[in-house]
């Protein structure tokens, strides 16, 4: 009689309550503005974080592999930064936003590059208490950093990267 070998594999994915996460690092927030006289005003803001250590409380052994808990691993960059510059003159404003996510490691061996995206916006304050804006998110169409070993099927960390590509928009906001 023929015999067959049946192999069963259980794959389980889900969230685990860690109890708590303790982070150690440096957080920098700086803002400045300068009046340019008849040329308008320029304002800037920098928010940056460097994480040096990440610890958790609670028993999660057996649920999360060690690489997922380490800083620099996929989804846990050590460095994140955001620079926002806005030039304003009268009812017009031109904004430029730079978003940066530092390099991480793949779920397998190998490094994943850093990611930087640029957003721009032109905004007009209408006299009837409305704002009209036109802009582009991810101006240079920077693809998210893809980890070929990502088991989710997305290939990248949705919480870190803008996967929508270059996205032009028109926005109208009315205040009553």
Protein backbone atom coordinates (compact mmCIF):
# COMPACT_ATOMS: atom_id res chain seq x y z
CA UNK A 1 0.00 0.00 0.00
CA UNK A 2 1.27 3.52 -0.79
CA UNK A 3 1.96 5.76 2.17
CA UNK A 4 1.96 9.53 2.18
CA UNK A 5 3.75 11.90 4.50
CA UNK A 6 1.65 14.74 5.78
CA UNK A 7 3.46 17.75 7.16
CA UNK A 8 1.63 20.34 9.20
CA UNK A 9 2.94 23.83 9.80
CA UNK A 10 1.40 26.35 12.16
CA UNK A 11 2.13 29.99 11.49
CA UNK A 12 0.80 32.40 14.05
CA UNK A 13 1.14 36.16 13.94
CA UNK A 14 -0.33 38.65 16.33
CA UNK A 15 0.25 41.36 18.87
CA UNK A 16 1.55 40.74 22.36
CA UNK A 17 1.07 42.99 25.37
CA UNK A 18 4.62 43.88 26.42
CA UNK A 19 3.55 45.48 29.66
CA UNK A 20 5.72 48.50 28.99
CA UNK A 21 8.53 49.85 26.85
CA UNK A 22 11.35 51.99 28.17
CA UNK A 23 13.32 54.10 25.70
CA UNK A 24 16.55 56.00 26.21
CA UNK A 25 17.93 58.49 23.76
CA UNK A 26 18.04 62.11 22.75
CA UNK A 27 15.11 64.16 21.53
CA UNK A 28 15.73 67.52 19.90
CA UNK A 29 13.08 70.12 19.18
CA UNK A 30 14.08 73.49 17.84
CA UNK A 31 12.04 76.27 16.30
CA UNK A 32 13.02 79.66 14.96
CA UNK A 33 11.50 82.43 12.92
CA UNK A 34 12.76 85.55 11.23
CA UNK A 35 10.89 88.59 9.95
CA UNK A 36 12.07 89.47 6.42
CA UNK A 37 10.35 92.85 6.32
CA UNK A 38 8.40 93.42 3.11
CA UNK A 39 9.61 90.00 1.85
CA UNK A 40 7.52 88.22 4.50
CA UNK A 41 8.54 85.86 7.28
CA UNK A 42 10.32 82.53 7.45
CA UNK A 43 9.72 79.98 10.21
CA UNK A 44 11.38 76.64 10.79
CA UNK A 45 10.99 73.69 13.12
CA UNK A 46 13.20 70.63 13.59
CA UNK A 47 12.09 67.54 15.49
CA UNK A 48 14.67 64.76 15.74
CA UNK A 49 15.02 61.61 17.83
CA UNK A 50 18.00 59.32 18.37
CA UNK A 51 17.22 56.18 20.36
CA UNK A 52 20.08 54.57 22.24
CA UNK A 53 18.30 51.82 24.16
CA UNK A 54 14.94 50.03 24.13
CA UNK A 55 13.84 47.72 26.93
CA UNK A 56 10.52 46.08 27.66
CA UNK A 57 8.79 44.86 30.78
CA UNK A 58 6.59 41.80 30.83
CA UNK A 59 7.24 38.22 29.74
CA UNK A 60 7.29 37.93 25.96
CA UNK A 61 9.96 35.26 25.51
CA UNK A 62 8.90 32.88 22.82
CA UNK A 63 6.58 35.39 21.17
CA UNK A 64 8.94 37.96 19.63
CA UNK A 65 12.27 37.04 18.06
CA UNK A 66 15.19 39.05 19.42
CA UNK A 67 15.86 41.00 16.18
CA UNK A 68 12.38 42.53 16.35
CA UNK A 69 13.16 43.89 19.82
CA UNK A 70 16.51 45.44 18.91
CA UNK A 71 16.91 49.07 17.90
CA UNK A 72 17.85 49.37 14.27
CA UNK A 73 15.80 46.28 13.42
CA UNK A 74 13.00 46.50 10.87
CA UNK A 75 10.40 48.97 12.10
CA UNK A 76 12.63 50.35 14.88
CA UNK A 77 15.02 52.91 13.43
CA UNK A 78 17.44 54.61 15.79
CA UNK A 79 17.01 57.98 14.00
CA UNK A 80 13.89 59.83 12.90
CA UNK A 81 13.71 63.51 11.98
CA UNK A 82 11.34 66.08 10.55
CA UNK A 83 12.25 69.55 9.28
CA UNK A 84 9.45 71.99 8.47
CA UNK A 85 10.17 75.36 6.79
CA UNK A 86 7.44 77.90 5.96
CA UNK A 87 7.79 81.23 4.15
CA UNK A 88 4.79 83.53 4.62
CA UNK A 89 4.01 86.80 2.88
CA UNK A 90 0.59 88.32 3.40
CA UNK A 91 -2.08 85.74 2.60
CA UNK A 92 0.36 83.36 0.86
CA UNK A 93 2.52 80.67 2.46
CA UNK A 94 4.97 78.22 0.91
CA UNK A 95 5.93 75.20 2.98
CA UNK A 96 8.61 72.54 2.63
CA UNK A 97 8.65 69.46 4.86
CA UNK A 98 11.46 66.91 4.99
CA UNK A 99 10.75 63.54 6.67
CA UNK A 100 13.66 61.20 7.45
CA UNK A 101 13.76 57.64 8.79
CA UNK A 102 17.18 56.17 9.59
CA UNK A 103 18.57 52.91 8.28
CA UNK A 104 17.34 49.63 9.78
CA UNK A 105 18.14 45.93 9.48
CA UNK A 106 16.29 43.35 7.43
CA UNK A 107 14.43 40.52 9.15
CA UNK A 108 17.13 38.40 7.53
CA UNK A 109 20.79 39.38 7.26
CA UNK A 110 21.55 42.71 5.66
CA UNK A 111 20.88 46.38 6.09
CA UNK A 112 18.04 48.48 4.77
CA UNK A 113 18.75 52.03 3.64
CA UNK A 114 17.44 55.21 5.21
CA UNK A 115 14.44 56.99 3.70
CA UNK A 116 13.87 60.71 3.14
CA UNK A 117 10.78 62.28 1.58
CA UNK A 118 10.04 65.90 0.67
CA UNK A 119 6.59 67.50 0.76
CA UNK A 120 5.69 70.96 -0.56
CA UNK A 121 2.59 73.10 -0.17
CA UNK A 122 1.38 76.50 -1.40
CA UNK A 123 -1.38 77.93 0.78
CA UNK A 124 -3.65 80.98 0.39
CA UNK A 125 -5.76 82.53 3.18
CA UNK A 126 -8.96 83.69 1.50
CA UNK A 127 -10.74 86.82 2.84
CA UNK A 128 -13.94 84.79 3.57
CA UNK A 129 -12.20 82.77 6.33
CA UNK A 130 -11.15 79.90 4.11
CA UNK A 131 -7.81 78.34 3.23
CA UNK A 132 -6.97 76.90 -0.18
CA UNK A 133 -3.87 74.74 -0.48
CA UNK A 134 -2.20 72.85 -3.27
CA UNK A 135 0.71 70.56 -2.63
CA UNK A 136 2.58 67.36 -3.29
CA UNK A 137 3.44 64.68 -0.72
CA UNK A 138 6.61 62.71 -1.48
CA UNK A 139 7.59 65.14 -4.23
CA UNK A 140 10.48 63.05 -5.57
CA UNK A 141 8.41 59.82 -5.51
CA UNK A 142 10.70 58.02 -3.06
CA UNK A 143 9.64 54.40 -2.66
CA UNK A 144 9.42 52.98 0.86
CA UNK A 145 12.31 50.84 2.02
CA UNK A 146 11.26 47.28 1.25
CA UNK A 147 12.37 44.32 3.34
CA UNK A 148 12.23 41.21 1.13
CA UNK A 149 11.89 39.06 4.25
CA UNK A 150 8.78 40.89 5.57
CA UNK A 151 6.14 38.22 6.29
CA UNK A 152 3.18 40.67 6.24
CA UNK A 153 3.01 40.88 2.46
CA UNK A 154 3.34 44.67 2.56
CA UNK A 155 7.12 44.52 2.30
CA UNK A 156 7.64 47.64 4.38
CA UNK A 157 6.71 49.12 7.75
CA UNK A 158 3.46 51.00 7.13
CA UNK A 159 3.94 53.12 10.27
CA UNK A 160 7.31 54.46 9.05
CA UNK A 161 7.08 54.98 5.32
CA UNK A 162 4.70 56.68 2.91
CA UNK A 163 3.85 53.96 0.42
CA UNK A 164 1.52 56.11 -1.67
CA UNK A 165 4.27 57.52 -3.86
CA UNK A 166 4.04 61.07 -5.18
CA UNK A 167 0.61 62.40 -4.21
CA UNK A 168 -0.58 65.79 -5.47
CA UNK A 169 -3.54 67.31 -3.63
CA UNK A 170 -5.89 70.27 -3.52
CA UNK A 171 -7.40 71.18 -0.17
CA UNK A 172 -10.15 73.62 0.81
CA UNK A 173 -10.83 74.43 4.45
CA UNK A 174 -13.72 76.68 5.47
CA UNK A 175 -13.97 78.21 8.96
CA UNK A 176 -17.43 79.27 10.16
